[in-house]
Amino acid sequence: MPFAGGHPAGTPEDILTGFVIAQGEALGRPVGVAIDRAGALLVADDVGNSVWRVTPAMPK
């Protein structure tokens, strides 16, 4: 969700997808989020028993 002035300002944007395949089977289940010291998004995945670290794409 984009923010401006500390308030939601715009339409939500997907930044992490692909946890459910077309047949409805869960490949992952995000159950918690946090921000690390570097500003990356951390997502706990209950099904995959993983923690995903999401950062902005690096320019080529």
PDB file of N, CA and C in Angstrom:
ATOM      1  N   MET A   1       0.851  -1.161   0.000  1.00  0.00           N
ATOM      2  CA  MET A   1       0.000   0.000   0.000  1.00  0.00           C
ATOM      3  C   MET A   1       0.901   1.229   0.000  1.00  0.00           C
ATOM      4  N   PRO A   2       0.814   2.050  -1.011  1.00  0.00           N
ATOM      5  CA  PRO A   2       1.573   3.300  -0.989  1.00  0.00           C
ATOM      6  C   PRO A   2       1.074   4.215   0.139  1.00  0.00           C
ATOM      7  N   PHE A   3       1.997   4.946   0.739  1.00  0.00           N
ATOM      8  CA  PHE A   3       1.644   5.891   1.796  1.00  0.00           C
ATOM      9  C   PHE A   3       2.159   7.275   1.438  1.00  0.00           C
ATOM     10  N   ALA A   4       1.450   8.294   1.903  1.00  0.00           N
ATOM     11  CA  ALA A   4       1.882   9.683   1.762  1.00  0.00           C
ATOM     12  C   ALA A   4       1.458  10.408   3.030  1.00  0.00           C
ATOM     13  N   GLY A   5       2.391  11.088   3.661  1.00  0.00           N
ATOM     14  CA  GLY A   5       2.074  11.815   4.880  1.00  0.00           C
ATOM     15  C   GLY A   5       1.600  10.912   6.007  1.00  0.00           C
ATOM     16  N   GLY A   6       2.057   9.654   6.013  1.00  0.00           N
ATOM     17  CA  GLY A   6       1.685   8.725   7.071  1.00  0.00           C
ATOM     18  C   GLY A   6       0.315   8.086   6.915  1.00  0.00           C
ATOM     19  N   HIS A   7      -0.322   8.269   5.736  1.00  0.00           N
ATOM     20  CA  HIS A   7      -1.654   7.712   5.498  1.00  0.00           C
ATOM     21  C   HIS A   7      -1.662   6.938   4.177  1.00  0.00           C
ATOM     22  N   PRO A   8      -2.512   5.904   4.070  1.00  0.00           N
ATOM     23  CA  PRO A   8      -2.624   5.181   2.806  1.00  0.00           C
ATOM     24  C   PRO A   8      -2.994   6.142   1.678  1.00  0.00           C
ATOM     25  N   ALA A   9      -2.318   5.994   0.538  1.00  0.00           N
ATOM     26  CA  ALA A   9      -2.560   6.900  -0.586  1.00  0.00           C
ATOM     27  C   ALA A   9      -2.432   6.122  -1.892  1.00  0.00           C
ATOM     28  N   GLY A  10      -3.444   5.371  -2.224  1.00  0.00           N
ATOM     29  CA  GLY A  10      -3.400   4.642  -3.481  1.00  0.00           C
ATOM     30  C   GLY A  10      -3.903   3.224  -3.337  1.00  0.00           C
ATOM     31  N   THR A  11      -3.723   2.488  -4.396  1.00  0.00           N
ATOM     32  CA  THR A  11      -4.182   1.110  -4.476  1.00  0.00           C
ATOM     33  C   THR A  11      -3.103   0.161  -3.972  1.00  0.00           C
ATOM     34  N   PRO A  12      -3.471  -0.890  -3.225  1.00  0.00           N
ATOM     35  CA  PRO A  12      -2.469  -1.865  -2.788  1.00  0.00           C
ATOM     36  C   PRO A  12      -1.761  -2.490  -3.989  1.00  0.00           C
ATOM     37  N   GLU A  13      -0.467  -2.806  -3.808  1.00  0.00           N
ATOM     38  CA  GLU A  13       0.338  -3.418  -4.859  1.00  0.00           C
ATOM     39  C   GLU A  13       0.873  -4.758  -4.371  1.00  0.00           C
ATOM     40  N   ASP A  14       0.746  -5.815  -5.198  1.00  0.00           N
ATOM     41  CA  ASP A  14       1.331  -7.112  -4.870  1.00  0.00           C
ATOM     42  C   ASP A  14       2.847  -7.014  -4.986  1.00  0.00           C
ATOM     43  N   ILE A  15       3.551  -7.457  -3.959  1.00  0.00           N
ATOM     44  CA  ILE A  15       5.013  -7.480  -4.018  1.00  0.00           C
ATOM     45  C   ILE A  15       5.578  -8.878  -3.839  1.00  0.00           C
ATOM     46  N   LEU A  16       4.737  -9.812  -3.394  1.00  0.00           N
ATOM     47  CA  LEU A  16       5.162 -11.198  -3.212  1.00  0.00           C
ATOM     48  C   LEU A  16       3.966 -12.087  -3.514  1.00  0.00           C
ATOM     49  N   THR A  17       4.066 -12.868  -4.586  1.00  0.00           N
ATOM     50  CA  THR A  17       2.952 -13.707  -5.012  1.00  0.00           C
ATOM     51  C   THR A  17       3.458 -15.119  -5.306  1.00  0.00           C
ATOM     52  N   GLY A  18       2.561 -15.997  -5.695  1.00  0.00           N
ATOM     53  CA  GLY A  18       2.930 -17.339  -6.102  1.00  0.00           C
ATOM     54  C   GLY A  18       2.815 -18.389  -5.016  1.00  0.00           C
ATOM     55  N   PHE A  19       2.110 -18.080  -3.944  1.00  0.00           N
ATOM     56  CA  PHE A  19       1.961 -19.036  -2.858  1.00  0.00           C
ATOM     57  C   PHE A  19       0.869 -20.069  -3.123  1.00  0.00           C
ATOM     58  N   VAL A  20      -0.007 -19.816  -4.115  1.00  0.00           N
ATOM     59  CA  VAL A  20      -1.088 -20.741  -4.442  1.00  0.00           C
ATOM     60  C   VAL A  20      -1.052 -20.994  -5.946  1.00  0.00           C
ATOM     61  N   ILE A  21      -1.035 -22.280  -6.349  1.00  0.00           N
ATOM     62  CA  ILE A  21      -1.046 -22.607  -7.773  1.00  0.00           C
ATOM     63  C   ILE A  21      -2.478 -22.631  -8.288  1.00  0.00           C
ATOM     64  N   ALA A  22      -2.644 -22.728  -9.600  1.00  0.00           N
ATOM     65  CA  ALA A  22      -3.961 -22.643 -10.236  1.00  0.00           C
ATOM     66  C   ALA A  22      -4.959 -23.650  -9.675  1.00  0.00           C
ATOM     67  N   GLN A  23      -4.502 -24.826  -9.269  1.00  0.00           N
ATOM     68  CA  GLN A  23      -5.401 -25.846  -8.734  1.00  0.00           C
ATOM     69  C   GLN A  23      -5.799 -25.564  -7.284  1.00  0.00           C
ATOM     70  N   GLY A  24      -5.321 -24.477  -6.713  1.00  0.00           N
ATOM     71  CA  GLY A  24      -5.681 -24.101  -5.358  1.00  0.00           C
ATOM     72  C   GLY A  24      -4.765 -24.659  -4.281  1.00  0.00           C
ATOM     73  N   GLU A  25      -3.739 -25.414  -4.684  1.00  0.00           N
ATOM     74  CA  GLU A  25      -2.802 -25.987  -3.712  1.00  0.00           C
ATOM     75  C   GLU A  25      -1.840 -24.912  -3.205  1.00  0.00           C
ATOM     76  N   ALA A  26      -1.665 -24.846  -1.891  1.00  0.00           N
ATOM     77  CA  ALA A  26      -0.773 -23.856  -1.292  1.00  0.00           C
ATOM     78  C   ALA A  26       0.673 -24.334  -1.360  1.00  0.00           C
ATOM     79  N   LEU A  27       1.525 -23.517  -1.943  1.00  0.00           N
ATOM     80  CA  LEU A  27       2.958 -23.781  -1.957  1.00  0.00           C
ATOM     81  C   LEU A  27       3.629 -23.062  -0.791  1.00  0.00           C
ATOM     82  N   GLY A  28       2.894 -22.194  -0.169  1.00  0.00           N
ATOM     83  CA  GLY A  28       3.385 -21.444   0.973  1.00  0.00           C
ATOM     84  C   GLY A  28       2.214 -20.787   1.653  1.00  0.00           C
ATOM     85  N   ARG A  29       2.447 -20.340   2.890  1.00  0.00           N
ATOM     86  CA  ARG A  29       1.403 -19.634   3.631  1.00  0.00           C
ATOM     87  C   ARG A  29       2.072 -18.565   4.466  1.00  0.00           C
ATOM     88  N   PRO A  30       2.067 -17.326   3.949  1.00  0.00           N
ATOM     89  CA  PRO A  30       2.674 -16.246   4.722  1.00  0.00           C
ATOM     90  C   PRO A  30       1.886 -16.004   6.005  1.00  0.00           C
ATOM     91  N   VAL A  31       2.578 -16.042   7.143  1.00  0.00           N
ATOM     92  CA  VAL A  31       1.891 -15.917   8.431  1.00  0.00           C
ATOM     93  C   VAL A  31       2.386 -14.752   9.281  1.00  0.00           C
ATOM     94  N   GLY A  32       3.455 -14.110   8.860  1.00  0.00           N
ATOM     95  CA  GLY A  32       3.962 -12.987   9.639  1.00  0.00           C
ATOM     96  C   GLY A  32       4.920 -12.156   8.813  1.00  0.00           C
ATOM     97  N   VAL A  33       4.959 -10.869   9.082  1.00  0.00           N
ATOM     98  CA  VAL A  33       5.868  -9.973   8.368  1.00  0.00           C
ATOM     99  C   VAL A  33       6.608  -9.082   9.352  1.00  0.00           C
ATOM    100  N   ALA A  34       7.785  -8.649   8.937  1.00  0.00           N
ATOM    101  CA  ALA A  34       8.587  -7.709   9.725  1.00  0.00           C
ATOM    102  C   ALA A  34       9.516  -6.982   8.758  1.00  0.00           C
ATOM    103  N   ILE A  35      10.135  -5.931   9.230  1.00  0.00           N
ATOM    104  CA  ILE A  35      11.126  -5.179   8.464  1.00  0.00           C
ATOM    105  C   ILE A  35      12.457  -5.333   9.179  1.00  0.00           C
ATOM    106  N   ASP A  36      13.524  -5.692   8.422  1.00  0.00           N
ATOM    107  CA  ASP A  36      14.837  -5.836   9.064  1.00  0.00           C
ATOM    108  C   ASP A  36      15.564  -4.493   9.127  1.00  0.00           C
ATOM    109  N   ARG A  37      16.755  -4.484   9.703  1.00  0.00           N
ATOM    110  CA  ARG A  37      17.499  -3.227   9.901  1.00  0.00           C
ATOM    111  C   ARG A  37      17.875  -2.540   8.602  1.00  0.00           C
ATOM    112  N   ALA A  38      17.990  -3.318   7.511  1.00  0.00           N
ATOM    113  CA  ALA A  38      18.338  -2.748   6.208  1.00  0.00           C
ATOM    114  C   ALA A  38      17.108  -2.277   5.443  1.00  0.00           C
ATOM    115  N   GLY A  39      15.912  -2.484   6.007  1.00  0.00           N
ATOM    116  CA  GLY A  39      14.675  -2.053   5.357  1.00  0.00           C
ATOM    117  C   GLY A  39      14.026  -3.111   4.487  1.00  0.00           C
ATOM    118  N   ALA A  40      14.554  -4.331   4.487  1.00  0.00           N
ATOM    119  CA  ALA A  40      13.958  -5.410   3.697  1.00  0.00           C
ATOM    120  C   ALA A  40      12.729  -5.965   4.409  1.00  0.00           C
ATOM    121  N   LEU A  41      11.791  -6.469   3.625  1.00  0.00           N
ATOM    122  CA  LEU A  41      10.588  -7.106   4.150  1.00  0.00           C
ATOM    123  C   LEU A  41      10.896  -8.569   4.439  1.00  0.00           C
ATOM    124  N   LEU A  42      10.607  -9.030   5.644  1.00  0.00           N
ATOM    125  CA  LEU A  42      10.776 -10.432   6.018  1.00  0.00           C
ATOM    126  C   LEU A  42       9.392 -11.056   6.127  1.00  0.00           C
ATOM    127  N   VAL A  43       9.204 -12.206   5.467  1.00  0.00           N
ATOM    128  CA  VAL A  43       7.905 -12.877   5.470  1.00  0.00           C
ATOM    129  C   VAL A  43       8.099 -14.311   5.933  1.00  0.00           C
ATOM    130  N   ALA A  44       7.446 -14.689   7.031  1.00  0.00           N
ATOM    131  CA  ALA A  44       7.498 -16.063   7.532  1.00  0.00           C
ATOM    132  C   ALA A  44       6.499 -16.905   6.741  1.00  0.00           C
ATOM    133  N   ASP A  45       6.959 -18.064   6.242  1.00  0.00           N
ATOM    134  CA  ASP A  45       6.152 -18.978   5.439  1.00  0.00           C
ATOM    135  C   ASP A  45       5.938 -20.260   6.230  1.00  0.00           C
ATOM    136  N   ASP A  46       4.702 -20.492   6.671  1.00  0.00           N
ATOM    137  CA  ASP A  46       4.356 -21.631   7.517  1.00  0.00           C
ATOM    138  C   ASP A  46       4.432 -22.968   6.783  1.00  0.00           C
ATOM    139  N   VAL A  47       4.050 -22.998   5.507  1.00  0.00           N
ATOM    140  CA  VAL A  47       4.061 -24.240   4.739  1.00  0.00           C
ATOM    141  C   VAL A  47       5.478 -24.585   4.288  1.00  0.00           C
ATOM    142  N   GLY A  48       6.191 -23.599   3.774  1.00  0.00           N
ATOM    143  CA  GLY A  48       7.545 -23.826   3.276  1.00  0.00           C
ATOM    144  C   GLY A  48       8.598 -23.854   4.365  1.00  0.00           C
ATOM    145  N   ASN A  49       8.202 -23.571   5.609  1.00  0.00           N
ATOM    146  CA  ASN A  49       9.132 -23.534   6.737  1.00  0.00           C
ATOM    147  C   ASN A  49      10.336 -22.651   6.410  1.00  0.00           C
ATOM    148  N   SER A  50      10.041 -21.450   5.898  1.00  0.00           N
ATOM    149  CA  SER A  50      11.079 -20.526   5.444  1.00  0.00           C
ATOM    150  C   SER A  50      10.757 -19.111   5.895  1.00  0.00           C
ATOM    151  N   VAL A  51      11.770 -18.264   5.826  1.00  0.00           N
ATOM    152  CA  VAL A  51      11.573 -16.828   5.963  1.00  0.00           C
ATOM    153  C   VAL A  51      12.097 -16.205   4.679  1.00  0.00           C
ATOM    154  N   TRP A  52      11.220 -15.514   3.961  1.00  0.00           N
ATOM    155  CA  TRP A  52      11.588 -14.856   2.724  1.00  0.00           C
ATOM    156  C   TRP A  52      12.054 -13.436   3.040  1.00  0.00           C
ATOM    157  N   ARG A  53      13.126 -13.000   2.388  1.00  0.00           N
ATOM    158  CA  ARG A  53      13.627 -11.622   2.530  1.00  0.00           C
ATOM    159  C   ARG A  53      13.433 -10.930   1.198  1.00  0.00           C
ATOM    160  N   VAL A  54      12.604  -9.902   1.175  1.00  0.00           N
ATOM    161  CA  VAL A  54      12.247  -9.209  -0.050  1.00  0.00           C
ATOM    162  C   VAL A  54      12.901  -7.839  -0.078  1.00  0.00           C
ATOM    163  N   THR A  55      13.662  -7.586  -1.150  1.00  0.00           N
ATOM    164  CA  THR A  55      14.333  -6.291  -1.328  1.00  0.00           C
ATOM    165  C   THR A  55      13.982  -5.739  -2.704  1.00  0.00           C
ATOM    166  N   PRO A  56      14.177  -4.442  -2.921  1.00  0.00           N
ATOM    167  CA  PRO A  56      13.912  -3.879  -4.249  1.00  0.00           C
ATOM    168  C   PRO A  56      14.853  -4.489  -5.289  1.00  0.00           C
ATOM    169  N   ALA A  57      14.377  -4.577  -6.521  1.00  0.00           N
ATOM    170  CA  ALA A  57      15.210  -5.079  -7.603  1.00  0.00           C
ATOM    171  C   ALA A  57      16.377  -4.113  -7.829  1.00  0.00           C
ATOM    172  N   MET A  58      17.537  -4.666  -8.106  1.00  0.00           N
ATOM    173  CA  MET A  58      18.720  -3.848  -8.370  1.00  0.00           C
ATOM    174  C   MET A  58      18.686  -3.403  -9.840  1.00  0.00           C
ATOM    175  N   PRO A  59      19.028  -2.151 -10.110  1.00  0.00           N
ATOM    176  CA  PRO A  59      19.070  -1.693 -11.514  1.00  0.00           C
ATOM    177  C   PRO A  59      20.139  -2.452 -12.283  1.00  0.00           C
ATOM    178  N   LYS A  60      19.880  -2.700 -13.548  1.00  0.00           N
ATOM    179  CA  LYS A  60      20.840  -3.438 -14.388  1.00  0.00           C
ATOM    180  C   LYS A  60      21.847  -2.526 -15.012  1.00  0.00           C
TER     181      LYS A  60
END
